[in-house]
Protein backbone atom coordinates (compact mmCIF):
# COMPACT_ATOMS: atom_id res chain seq x y z
CA MET A 1 0.00 0.00 0.00
CA ASP A 2 1.30 3.47 -0.91
CA ASN A 3 2.08 5.54 2.17
CA ILE A 4 -0.19 8.58 2.07
CA PHE A 5 -0.28 8.71 5.88
CA ALA A 6 3.33 9.65 6.65
CA ASN A 7 3.67 12.99 8.44
CA GLN A 8 -0.10 13.48 8.38
CA CYS A 9 -2.31 14.58 11.28
CA ILE A 10 -5.16 12.07 11.45
CA VAL A 11 -8.34 11.91 13.55
CA VAL A 12 -9.94 8.52 14.26
CA THR A 13 -13.41 8.70 15.82
CA GLY A 14 -14.64 5.67 17.73
CA ALA A 15 -10.95 4.95 18.26
CA ALA A 16 -11.47 2.74 21.31
CA GLY A 17 -13.84 0.44 19.43
CA THR A 18 -12.74 -2.81 17.81
CA VAL A 19 -12.09 -1.47 14.30
CA GLY A 20 -10.95 1.91 15.63
CA GLN A 21 -8.21 0.36 17.76
CA GLU A 22 -6.93 -1.75 14.88
CA LEU A 23 -7.05 1.24 12.55
CA VAL A 24 -4.95 3.31 14.97
CA SER A 25 -2.48 0.44 15.36
CA GLN A 26 -2.01 0.11 11.61
CA LEU A 27 -1.84 3.87 11.01
CA LEU A 28 0.96 4.23 13.54
CA THR A 29 3.15 1.93 11.44
CA PHE A 30 3.06 4.48 8.59
CA GLY A 31 4.77 7.26 10.54
CA PRO A 32 2.00 9.86 10.93
CA ALA A 33 2.75 13.22 12.49
CA GLU A 34 -0.08 12.68 14.98
CA ILE A 35 -3.03 10.39 15.61
CA ARG A 36 -5.88 12.06 17.49
CA ALA A 37 -8.00 9.26 18.94
CA LEU A 38 -11.54 10.29 19.92
CA ASP A 39 -14.00 8.20 21.90
CA ASN A 40 -16.72 8.70 24.51
CA ASN A 41 -15.88 5.45 26.32
CA GLU A 42 -13.64 6.77 29.09
CA SER A 43 -12.46 3.39 30.40
CA ALA A 44 -11.61 1.95 26.99
CA LEU A 45 -9.90 5.17 25.94
CA PHE A 46 -7.88 5.22 29.17
CA LEU A 47 -6.59 1.70 28.53
CA MET A 48 -5.77 2.58 24.95
CA ASN A 49 -3.90 5.68 26.07
CA GLU A 50 -1.87 3.55 28.50
CA ASP A 51 -0.78 1.34 25.59
CA TYR A 52 0.58 4.35 23.69
CA ARG A 53 1.61 6.66 26.50
CA SER A 54 5.26 6.54 25.44
CA ARG A 55 4.49 7.67 21.90
CA SER A 56 4.65 11.33 20.95
CA ASP A 57 2.52 10.74 17.83
CA PHE A 58 -0.58 9.56 19.72
CA ASN A 59 -3.04 11.67 21.69
CA ALA A 60 -6.35 10.53 23.19
CA TYR A 61 -9.37 12.83 23.35
CA LEU A 62 -12.47 12.12 25.40
CA GLY A 63 -15.51 13.45 23.58
CA ASP A 64 -18.55 12.76 21.45
CA ILE A 65 -19.24 13.28 17.75
CA ARG A 66 -22.58 14.81 18.79
CA ASP A 67 -20.62 17.77 20.14
CA ALA A 68 -20.14 20.03 17.09
CA PRO A 69 -17.82 22.57 18.79
CA LYS A 70 -15.63 19.71 20.05
CA MET A 71 -15.38 18.26 16.55
CA GLY A 72 -14.57 21.66 15.09
CA SER A 73 -11.75 22.11 17.59
CA LEU A 74 -10.42 18.59 17.13
CA ALA A 75 -10.25 19.00 13.33
CA ARG A 76 -7.94 22.02 13.39
CA GLY A 77 -4.72 21.33 11.51
CA VAL A 78 -5.95 17.85 10.54
CA ASP A 79 -5.24 16.19 7.18
CA MET A 80 -7.55 13.16 7.38
CA ILE A 81 -10.51 11.91 9.41
CA PHE A 82 -11.50 8.24 9.71
CA HIS A 83 -15.03 8.25 11.07
CA CYS A 84 -15.71 4.93 12.85
CA ALA A 85 -17.91 6.11 15.74
CA ALA A 86 -21.52 4.92 15.50
CA PHE A 87 -24.34 3.08 17.18
CA LYS A 88 -24.09 -0.37 15.57
CA HIS A 89 -26.59 -2.60 17.39
CA VAL A 90 -29.94 -2.97 15.63
CA PHE A 91 -31.91 -3.67 18.83
CA PHE A 92 -30.77 -0.58 20.75
CA SER A 93 -31.25 1.74 17.79
CA GLU A 94 -34.76 0.36 17.22
CA TYR A 95 -35.75 1.13 20.82
CA ASN A 96 -33.77 4.37 21.02
CA PRO A 97 -34.32 5.89 17.57
CA PHE A 98 -33.68 9.51 18.53
CA GLU A 99 -30.30 8.55 19.99
CA ALA A 100 -29.44 6.71 16.77
CA VAL A 101 -30.31 9.82 14.75
CA ARG A 102 -28.20 12.05 16.98
CA THR A 103 -25.14 9.81 16.66
CA ASN A 104 -25.40 8.18 13.23
CA ILE A 105 -26.82 11.15 11.30
CA ILE A 106 -26.20 14.39 13.17
CA GLY A 107 -22.81 13.05 14.27
CA VAL A 108 -21.86 12.57 10.61
CA GLN A 109 -23.07 16.11 9.86
CA ASN A 110 -20.81 17.42 12.62
CA ILE A 111 -17.84 15.56 11.13
CA ILE A 112 -18.54 17.00 7.68
CA GLN A 113 -18.92 20.56 8.94
CA ALA A 114 -15.75 20.28 11.03
CA ALA A 115 -13.85 18.97 8.02
CA LEU A 116 -15.18 21.64 5.66
CA GLY A 117 -14.46 24.40 8.15
CA ASN A 118 -10.88 23.27 8.72
CA GLY A 119 -9.88 22.26 5.20
CA VAL A 120 -9.45 18.57 6.05
CA LYS A 121 -8.23 16.91 2.85
CA LYS A 122 -9.88 13.52 3.21
CA VAL A 123 -12.77 12.04 5.25
CA ILE A 124 -13.49 8.29 5.18
CA PHE A 125 -16.76 7.08 6.69
CA THR A 126 -17.06 3.43 7.76
CA SER A 127 -20.49 2.17 6.76
CA SER A 128 -22.29 -1.15 7.07
CA ASP A 129 -24.19 -3.76 5.08
CA LYS A 130 -27.20 -2.65 7.17
CA ALA A 131 -27.27 0.54 5.05
CA VAL A 132 -28.28 -1.52 1.98
CA ASN A 133 -32.07 -1.80 1.57
CA PRO A 134 -32.42 -0.93 5.27
CA THR A 135 -35.18 -2.50 7.34
CA THR A 136 -34.22 -0.95 10.69
CA VAL A 137 -33.55 2.42 12.29
CA MET A 138 -29.85 1.59 12.53
CA GLY A 139 -29.60 0.64 8.87
CA THR A 140 -31.54 3.69 7.77
CA SER A 141 -29.33 5.96 9.85
CA LYS A 142 -26.17 4.44 8.34
CA LEU A 143 -27.60 4.90 4.84
CA MET A 144 -28.27 8.55 5.65
CA GLY A 145 -24.67 8.82 6.86
CA GLU A 146 -23.45 7.50 3.49
CA ARG A 147 -25.66 9.97 1.61
CA LEU A 148 -24.45 12.89 3.72
CA ILE A 149 -20.82 11.96 3.06
CA THR A 150 -21.45 11.70 -0.69
CA ALA A 151 -23.39 15.00 -0.71
CA ALA A 152 -20.53 16.72 1.12
CA ASN A 153 -18.69 16.68 -2.20
CA VAL A 154 -21.43 18.90 -3.67
CA ILE A 155 -21.22 21.63 -1.04
CA ASN A 156 -17.43 21.32 -0.92
CA GLN A 157 -15.96 24.52 -2.30
CA ASN A 158 -12.39 23.23 -2.05
CA ALA A 159 -11.72 20.71 -4.80
CA ARG A 160 -8.86 19.24 -2.77
CA GLN A 161 -11.25 17.90 -0.11
CA GLN A 162 -12.64 14.38 -0.53
CA PHE A 163 -15.49 12.66 1.33
CA SER A 164 -16.00 8.93 0.71
CA SER A 165 -17.44 5.82 2.39
CA VAL A 166 -16.26 2.24 2.86
CA ARG A 167 -19.02 -0.34 3.31
CA PHE A 168 -18.42 -3.83 4.74
CA GLY A 169 -20.17 -6.65 6.59
CA ASN A 170 -19.43 -8.58 9.77
CA VAL A 171 -16.09 -8.08 11.48
CA MET A 172 -15.44 -11.42 13.17
CA GLY A 173 -14.19 -11.31 16.74
CA SER A 174 -15.36 -7.76 17.36
CA ARG A 175 -17.33 -6.95 20.49
CA GLY A 176 -20.91 -8.14 20.15
CA SER A 177 -20.13 -10.34 17.13
CA VAL A 178 -21.30 -13.93 16.93
CA ILE A 179 -17.97 -15.69 17.64
CA PRO A 180 -17.60 -14.45 21.26
CA ILE A 181 -21.29 -15.25 21.83
CA PHE A 182 -20.96 -18.81 20.50
CA HIS A 183 -17.73 -19.24 22.48
CA ASP A 184 -19.39 -18.34 25.79
CA GLN A 185 -22.37 -20.59 25.06
CA ILE A 186 -20.13 -23.56 24.22
CA LYS A 187 -18.04 -22.97 27.34
CA LYS A 188 -21.21 -23.32 29.42
CA GLY A 189 -22.20 -26.51 27.61
CA GLY A 190 -24.83 -24.92 25.39
CA PRO A 191 -27.30 -24.46 23.99
CA VAL A 192 -25.78 -22.56 21.08
CA THR A 193 -28.44 -20.21 19.74
CA VAL A 194 -28.67 -20.04 15.95
CA THR A 195 -31.20 -17.77 14.29
CA ASP A 196 -31.88 -19.97 11.25
CA PRO A 197 -29.96 -22.82 9.57
CA GLY A 198 -30.18 -21.02 6.21
CA MET A 199 -28.72 -17.70 7.38
CA THR A 200 -25.54 -16.49 5.65
CA ARG A 201 -23.20 -13.58 6.39
CA PHE A 202 -20.27 -11.75 4.81
CA ILE A 203 -17.25 -11.95 7.10
CA MET A 204 -13.78 -10.50 7.52
CA THR A 205 -11.18 -10.19 10.27
CA ILE A 206 -10.59 -7.03 12.29
CA ALA A 207 -7.16 -6.56 10.72
CA ARG A 208 -8.55 -6.97 7.21
CA ALA A 209 -11.35 -4.48 7.91
CA ALA A 210 -8.85 -1.83 9.01
CA GLU A 211 -6.58 -2.59 6.06
CA LEU A 212 -9.43 -2.05 3.59
CA VAL A 213 -10.48 1.19 5.29
CA LEU A 214 -6.92 2.44 4.75
CA LYS A 215 -6.99 1.25 1.15
CA GLY A 216 -10.28 3.12 0.76
CA ALA A 217 -8.48 6.30 1.78
CA LEU A 218 -5.83 5.61 -0.83
CA LEU A 219 -8.40 5.07 -3.60
CA ALA A 220 -10.96 7.73 -2.67
CA ARG A 221 -11.76 10.36 -5.25
CA GLY A 222 -14.78 11.84 -3.48
CA GLY A 223 -18.43 10.79 -3.28
CA GLU A 224 -18.06 7.08 -4.01
CA VAL A 225 -18.94 4.15 -1.74
CA MET A 226 -16.27 1.46 -1.73
CA VAL A 227 -17.69 -2.01 -1.08
CA THR A 228 -15.18 -4.53 0.19
CA LYS A 229 -15.23 -8.05 -1.20
CA MET A 230 -15.70 -10.54 1.61
CA ARG A 231 -15.98 -14.27 2.18
CA VAL A 232 -19.36 -15.80 2.95
CA ILE A 233 -20.12 -18.08 5.88
CA SER A 234 -23.14 -20.14 6.88
CA ILE A 235 -24.04 -19.35 10.49
CA MET A 236 -25.04 -22.98 10.97
CA ASP A 237 -21.63 -24.20 9.74
CA LEU A 238 -19.87 -21.70 12.00
CA ALA A 239 -21.77 -22.94 15.06
CA GLU A 240 -21.08 -26.61 14.28
CA VAL A 241 -17.36 -26.05 13.62
CA MET A 242 -16.95 -24.03 16.81
CA ILE A 243 -18.71 -26.73 18.85
CA GLU A 244 -16.42 -29.38 17.35
CA LEU A 245 -13.29 -27.35 18.15
CA LEU A 246 -14.17 -25.82 21.51
CA ALA A 247 -16.42 -28.27 23.36
CA PRO A 248 -13.67 -30.77 24.31
CA TYR A 249 -11.54 -27.99 25.81
CA TYR A 250 -14.34 -27.14 28.22
CA GLY A 251 -15.11 -30.71 29.24
CA HIS A 252 -18.06 -31.29 26.93
CA SER A 253 -18.71 -33.82 24.23
CA PRO A 254 -19.54 -32.01 20.97
CA ALA A 255 -22.63 -34.22 20.65
CA SER A 256 -23.89 -32.96 24.02
CA VAL A 257 -23.86 -29.28 23.03
CA ALA A 258 -27.31 -28.61 21.63
CA LEU A 259 -28.26 -26.16 18.91
CA GLU A 260 -31.30 -23.99 19.55
CA PHE A 261 -32.99 -22.23 16.64
CA ILE A 262 -34.42 -18.95 17.84
CA GLY A 263 -35.51 -17.31 14.59
CA ALA A 264 -34.40 -14.02 13.08
CA LYS A 265 -34.65 -10.91 15.23
CA PRO A 266 -36.97 -8.06 14.19
CA GLY A 267 -35.54 -6.43 11.06
CA GLU A 268 -32.81 -9.09 10.70
CA LYS A 269 -32.30 -10.51 7.19
CA MET A 270 -31.54 -14.11 6.25
CA TYR A 271 -28.72 -12.82 4.09
CA GLU A 272 -26.58 -9.71 3.82
CA GLU A 273 -26.50 -7.23 0.98
CA LEU A 274 -23.48 -5.08 0.19
CA MET A 275 -24.59 -3.75 -3.19
CA THR A 276 -28.14 -3.33 -4.53
CA PRO A 277 -29.46 -3.93 -8.07
CA ASP A 278 -29.87 -0.16 -8.45
CA GLU A 279 -26.18 0.37 -7.68
CA VAL A 280 -24.88 -2.27 -10.11
CA PRO A 281 -25.04 -0.15 -13.33
CA ARG A 282 -22.86 2.57 -11.76
CA SER A 283 -20.37 0.28 -10.02
CA LEU A 284 -16.83 -0.62 -10.99
CA GLU A 285 -15.18 -3.90 -9.96
CA LEU A 286 -11.60 -3.78 -8.69
CA ALA A 287 -9.48 -6.66 -7.40
CA ASP A 288 -10.74 -6.63 -3.81
CA MET A 289 -13.62 -4.17 -3.83
CA PHE A 290 -16.43 -2.64 -5.82
CA VAL A 291 -16.73 1.12 -6.23
CA VAL A 292 -20.28 2.51 -6.30
CA LEU A 293 -20.21 5.89 -8.03
CA PRO A 294 -22.65 8.68 -7.04
CA ALA A 295 -26.10 8.45 -8.61
CA ALA A 296 -26.62 12.16 -9.30
CA ARG A 297 -23.33 12.64 -11.14
CA GLY A 298 -24.57 15.79 -12.88
CA ILE A 299 -24.59 17.88 -9.70
CA TYR A 300 -21.03 16.98 -8.70
CA ARG A 301 -17.89 18.82 -9.64
CA ASN A 302 -15.79 17.13 -12.28
CA ILE A 303 -14.22 14.16 -10.47
CA ASP A 304 -11.97 11.70 -12.26
CA TYR A 305 -13.18 8.30 -11.08
CA SER A 306 -10.17 6.30 -12.22
CA TYR A 307 -8.38 3.90 -9.89
CA PRO A 308 -5.04 2.04 -9.86
CA GLY A 309 -5.46 -1.39 -11.41
CA ASP A 310 -8.88 -0.51 -12.84
CA THR A 311 -9.47 -2.54 -16.01
CA GLY A 312 -12.78 -0.86 -16.72
CA LYS A 313 -14.68 -3.94 -15.56
CA ARG A 314 -18.22 -3.21 -14.40
CA ALA A 315 -20.12 -5.02 -11.66
CA ASN A 316 -22.65 -7.36 -13.26
CA ARG A 317 -24.86 -8.40 -10.34
CA PRO A 318 -25.84 -7.35 -6.82
CA TYR A 319 -23.46 -8.41 -4.06
CA ILE A 320 -25.57 -10.58 -1.75
CA SER A 321 -24.32 -13.27 0.65
CA SER A 322 -26.97 -15.83 -0.36
CA GLU A 323 -25.83 -15.60 -4.00
CA GLU A 324 -22.10 -16.05 -3.31
CA PRO A 325 -20.40 -19.42 -2.60
CA ALA A 326 -20.10 -20.10 1.12
CA MET A 327 -16.97 -21.43 2.78
CA SER A 328 -16.77 -25.18 3.41
CA LYS A 329 -16.56 -26.40 7.00
CA LYS A 330 -12.85 -27.06 6.52
CA GLU A 331 -12.40 -23.52 5.24
CA VAL A 332 -14.34 -22.20 8.24
CA ARG A 333 -12.08 -24.15 10.60
CA ASP A 334 -8.92 -22.96 8.86
CA PHE A 335 -10.23 -19.38 8.85
CA LEU A 336 -10.90 -19.44 12.60
CA ILE A 337 -7.43 -20.78 13.35
CA SER A 338 -5.41 -18.72 10.86
CA SER A 339 -7.23 -15.53 11.89
CA ARG A 340 -6.57 -16.26 15.58
CA LEU A 341 -10.27 -16.05 16.43
CA LEU A 342 -10.05 -18.96 18.88
CA PRO A 343 -8.44 -19.20 22.34
CA PRO A 344 -4.61 -19.29 22.11
CA GLU A 345 -4.44 -22.87 23.37
CA LEU A 346 -6.31 -24.02 20.27
CA LEU A 347 -3.84 -22.48 17.86
CA PRO A 348 -1.49 -25.14 16.45
CA GLU A 349 1.69 -23.17 17.11
CA SER A 350 0.90 -22.40 20.75
CA ARG A 351 -0.94 -25.32 22.30
CA LYS A 352 0.29 -25.45 25.87
CA MET A 353 -2.52 -27.33 27.59
CA GLU A 354 -4.37 -30.56 27.08
CA PRO A 355 -8.11 -30.41 26.54
CA VAL A 356 -10.28 -31.04 29.57
CA PRO A 357 -11.58 -34.63 29.51
CA CYS A 358 -15.09 -34.83 28.09
CA VAL A 359 -17.86 -35.44 30.60
CA SER A 360 -19.43 -38.76 29.84
C-alpha cells in the first residue's frame, strides 16, 4: 500500500472500538505526524492511552461526535478523518431511535462541517451492510450517513477535499459479534443459539477491515462508496465447527452441546447485501472491492473516477451473501485458526494445555 499517511495529522473517531483500535495500530506503522483518537468510552480510551503513553505521535481525546464545537476544535490542523464512531446494534437503535439519529446522522453532519471548516483533505466514513435496503432504524441511519458523506462533495468549495465511504459486513471477533457469543455458550455446555440454519453472512477479520479502510483512503476520489469483497459463511456451519473445536476444551462432548434455533430478530435478514441492483449499473469492480459511483453525477464537480489497477470492468450483479459461494466447513475451521479467532491454546503453534476430559 502506498504511504499517504506519513507525516499526516489524522483523527480517528470511535478509536477505542474494535475497528478503531486496529485502525490506529495500523496507522501508527506508517509514521504519521499525529493520531488524534476520539471516543466517549472513558475506560476503553484510558486503557488505549496507556498502551501508547510513550508515543509522541498519539493523543487521546475524550468526547462525542454529537458535540459540534468539540469536533470543530479537534479537526484544526488535521489532514484526514476516519469516522468509525456509531451506534451499531440494531436492537438498541430500534428502541432508542432519537439517539441513533443524533449519533449516526447528526454526528456525521458534525464531522462534515468540522472537516469543511478546517480544510481537512480527506474524510473516510465506515459504513455497514445494514445501510443496503435498510429494514431498521440503525440501517436507515447508516444509509443517511453515506448519503451525507457523498453529498458533502457537492457543497465542498475546495476541490482538494474528498469525502468517501467504505461499506463492509461482519467483522469477526469484534465486540458483540457472533464468535464471542458462541464461544461463551459452548463454554457453558450450550445451547448454542442459531437464528436460522439457512442464514448467511459476509465476514472479515478485524485486521482486514482496518486494512481495507486504509486502502479506501488511498483510492478515494470523493463521493463514491467502496464495497469490500468478503468471504461468505453459513451461520449454521460456523456454530457446528466451533462446537467441534471448543467443546472438548471445556469438558463437553460435541454431541452434548445442543443447537437452539431462535428465529431471526426483528428487522434481521436471512442474508446480507453489500450492493443493490440499483447500484450495479454505476459500479466498478476492482481486485478486492467494488466502487459505487454517485447516482446524481450531474450535480457533482468534475471528479476523475479512475483507480489504480482498474481494467474498466463493471459489476454485473448485486453483491448478496446468499448468492455467493459459502466457505466449506474445513475452510471455516482454517479461517478461525489462521485468523486467531479462537483461544490461544487451540492455535497449532501455541498449544500449551491438554483439553479437559469430556464429561461422559
